[in-house]
Amino acid sequence: MTKTPTGPVFRARLLPGGTPFDASANQPLLQSALQAGIFLESSCRNGTCRSCICRLTSGKVRYRIAWPGLSAEEKTEGWILPCVAFPASDLVLQPPDL
């Protein structure tokens, strides 16, 4: 993690390639990935379509909305929605197998 005048910036990696990118604590993971040139599926960008779903294999995220479009079971299994998930630590994401 580094700190900038606008807040912390964490390191995120997207598996399987492990390409790292900067993930600002002040914006959703999807937006940080896209700014770094890393493509993640997306459609609605508000946590309802679920096209961006990924498994959080390490690290922590937080949500600014009460219902992020995931079931309690999915959350327990480590699934997140990068379009509405904000990084709270360095993290590693894995998209679902297609």
Protein backbone atom coordinates (compact mmCIF):
# COMPACT_ATOMS: atom_id res chain seq x y z
CA MET A 1 0.00 0.00 0.00
CA THR A 2 1.07 3.52 -0.76
CA LYS A 3 -0.59 6.72 0.33
CA THR A 4 -1.48 9.59 -1.95
CA PRO A 5 -3.17 12.94 -1.21
CA THR A 6 -6.45 11.28 -2.24
CA GLY A 7 -6.03 8.22 -0.01
CA PRO A 8 -4.42 4.78 0.07
CA VAL A 9 -3.55 2.87 -3.07
CA PHE A 10 -3.30 -0.90 -2.81
CA ARG A 11 -1.74 -3.47 -5.13
CA ALA A 12 -4.17 -5.83 -6.81
CA ARG A 13 -3.45 -8.83 -9.02
CA LEU A 14 -5.75 -10.60 -11.42
CA LEU A 15 -5.18 -14.34 -11.85
CA PRO A 16 -4.22 -16.43 -13.73
CA GLY A 17 -1.56 -14.11 -15.17
CA GLY A 18 -1.04 -12.22 -11.96
CA THR A 19 -0.75 -8.85 -13.67
CA PRO A 20 -0.54 -6.29 -10.86
CA PHE A 21 -2.37 -2.96 -10.91
CA ASP A 22 -2.88 -0.03 -8.56
CA ALA A 23 -6.25 -0.05 -6.81
CA SER A 24 -7.29 3.19 -5.16
CA ALA A 25 -9.31 2.83 -1.96
CA ASN A 26 -11.53 5.62 -3.30
CA GLN A 27 -12.81 3.87 -6.42
CA PRO A 28 -14.28 0.46 -7.32
CA LEU A 29 -11.85 -2.28 -8.32
CA LEU A 30 -13.38 -2.48 -11.80
CA GLN A 31 -12.54 1.16 -12.47
CA SER A 32 -8.95 0.73 -11.24
CA ALA A 33 -8.47 -2.36 -13.43
CA LEU A 34 -9.83 -0.60 -16.51
CA GLN A 35 -7.57 2.41 -15.88
CA ALA A 36 -4.62 -0.01 -15.80
CA GLY A 37 -5.67 -1.53 -19.14
CA ILE A 38 -6.95 -4.75 -17.56
CA PHE A 39 -10.26 -5.97 -18.98
CA LEU A 40 -12.92 -7.40 -16.69
CA GLU A 41 -16.39 -8.30 -17.91
CA SER A 42 -18.92 -5.68 -16.88
CA SER A 43 -22.31 -4.36 -17.82
CA CYS A 44 -24.37 -2.51 -15.22
CA ARG A 45 -21.58 -1.24 -12.93
CA ASN A 46 -23.97 -1.03 -9.99
CA GLY A 47 -23.85 -4.55 -8.54
CA THR A 48 -26.93 -6.06 -10.14
CA CYS A 49 -25.92 -7.81 -13.39
CA ARG A 50 -23.09 -9.85 -11.82
CA SER A 51 -21.09 -10.04 -15.05
CA CYS A 52 -17.93 -8.84 -13.25
CA ILE A 53 -18.09 -11.44 -10.44
CA CYS A 54 -14.65 -12.63 -9.23
CA ARG A 55 -13.36 -14.66 -6.34
CA LEU A 56 -11.26 -12.77 -3.81
CA THR A 57 -8.41 -15.20 -3.13
CA SER A 58 -6.60 -12.88 -0.72
CA GLY A 59 -7.15 -9.46 0.75
CA LYS A 60 -10.19 -7.47 1.83
CA VAL A 61 -12.80 -5.30 0.14
CA ARG A 62 -15.59 -3.07 1.41
CA TYR A 63 -18.86 -1.99 -0.11
CA ARG A 64 -20.58 1.39 0.01
CA ILE A 65 -23.98 -0.13 -0.76
CA ALA A 66 -25.98 -2.33 1.59
CA TRP A 67 -26.81 -4.99 -1.00
CA PRO A 68 -23.94 -5.75 -3.40
CA GLY A 69 -25.85 -8.36 -5.46
CA LEU A 70 -24.36 -11.45 -3.80
CA SER A 71 -25.97 -14.11 -1.65
CA ALA A 72 -24.64 -14.77 1.85
CA GLU A 73 -23.29 -18.10 0.58
CA GLU A 74 -21.42 -16.43 -2.30
CA LYS A 75 -19.87 -13.91 0.10
CA THR A 76 -18.78 -16.75 2.39
CA GLU A 77 -17.20 -18.50 -0.62
CA GLY A 78 -15.18 -15.36 -1.39
CA TRP A 79 -17.08 -13.96 -4.39
CA ILE A 80 -17.08 -10.19 -4.90
CA LEU A 81 -18.42 -7.75 -7.48
CA PRO A 82 -15.49 -5.53 -8.57
CA CYS A 83 -17.87 -2.90 -9.98
CA VAL A 84 -18.99 -1.97 -6.43
CA ALA A 85 -16.14 -3.41 -4.29
CA PHE A 86 -13.53 -1.01 -2.96
CA PRO A 87 -10.12 -2.36 -1.92
CA ALA A 88 -9.33 -2.33 1.80
CA SER A 89 -5.93 -4.08 1.46
CA ASP A 90 -3.62 -5.51 -1.18
CA LEU A 91 -5.57 -8.26 -2.93
CA VAL A 92 -5.73 -11.02 -5.51
CA LEU A 93 -8.77 -11.63 -7.74
CA GLN A 94 -9.67 -14.65 -9.82
CA PRO A 95 -12.41 -14.45 -12.49
CA PRO A 96 -14.70 -17.48 -12.74
CA ASP A 97 -13.75 -20.24 -15.14
CA LEU A 98 -15.52 -19.64 -18.40
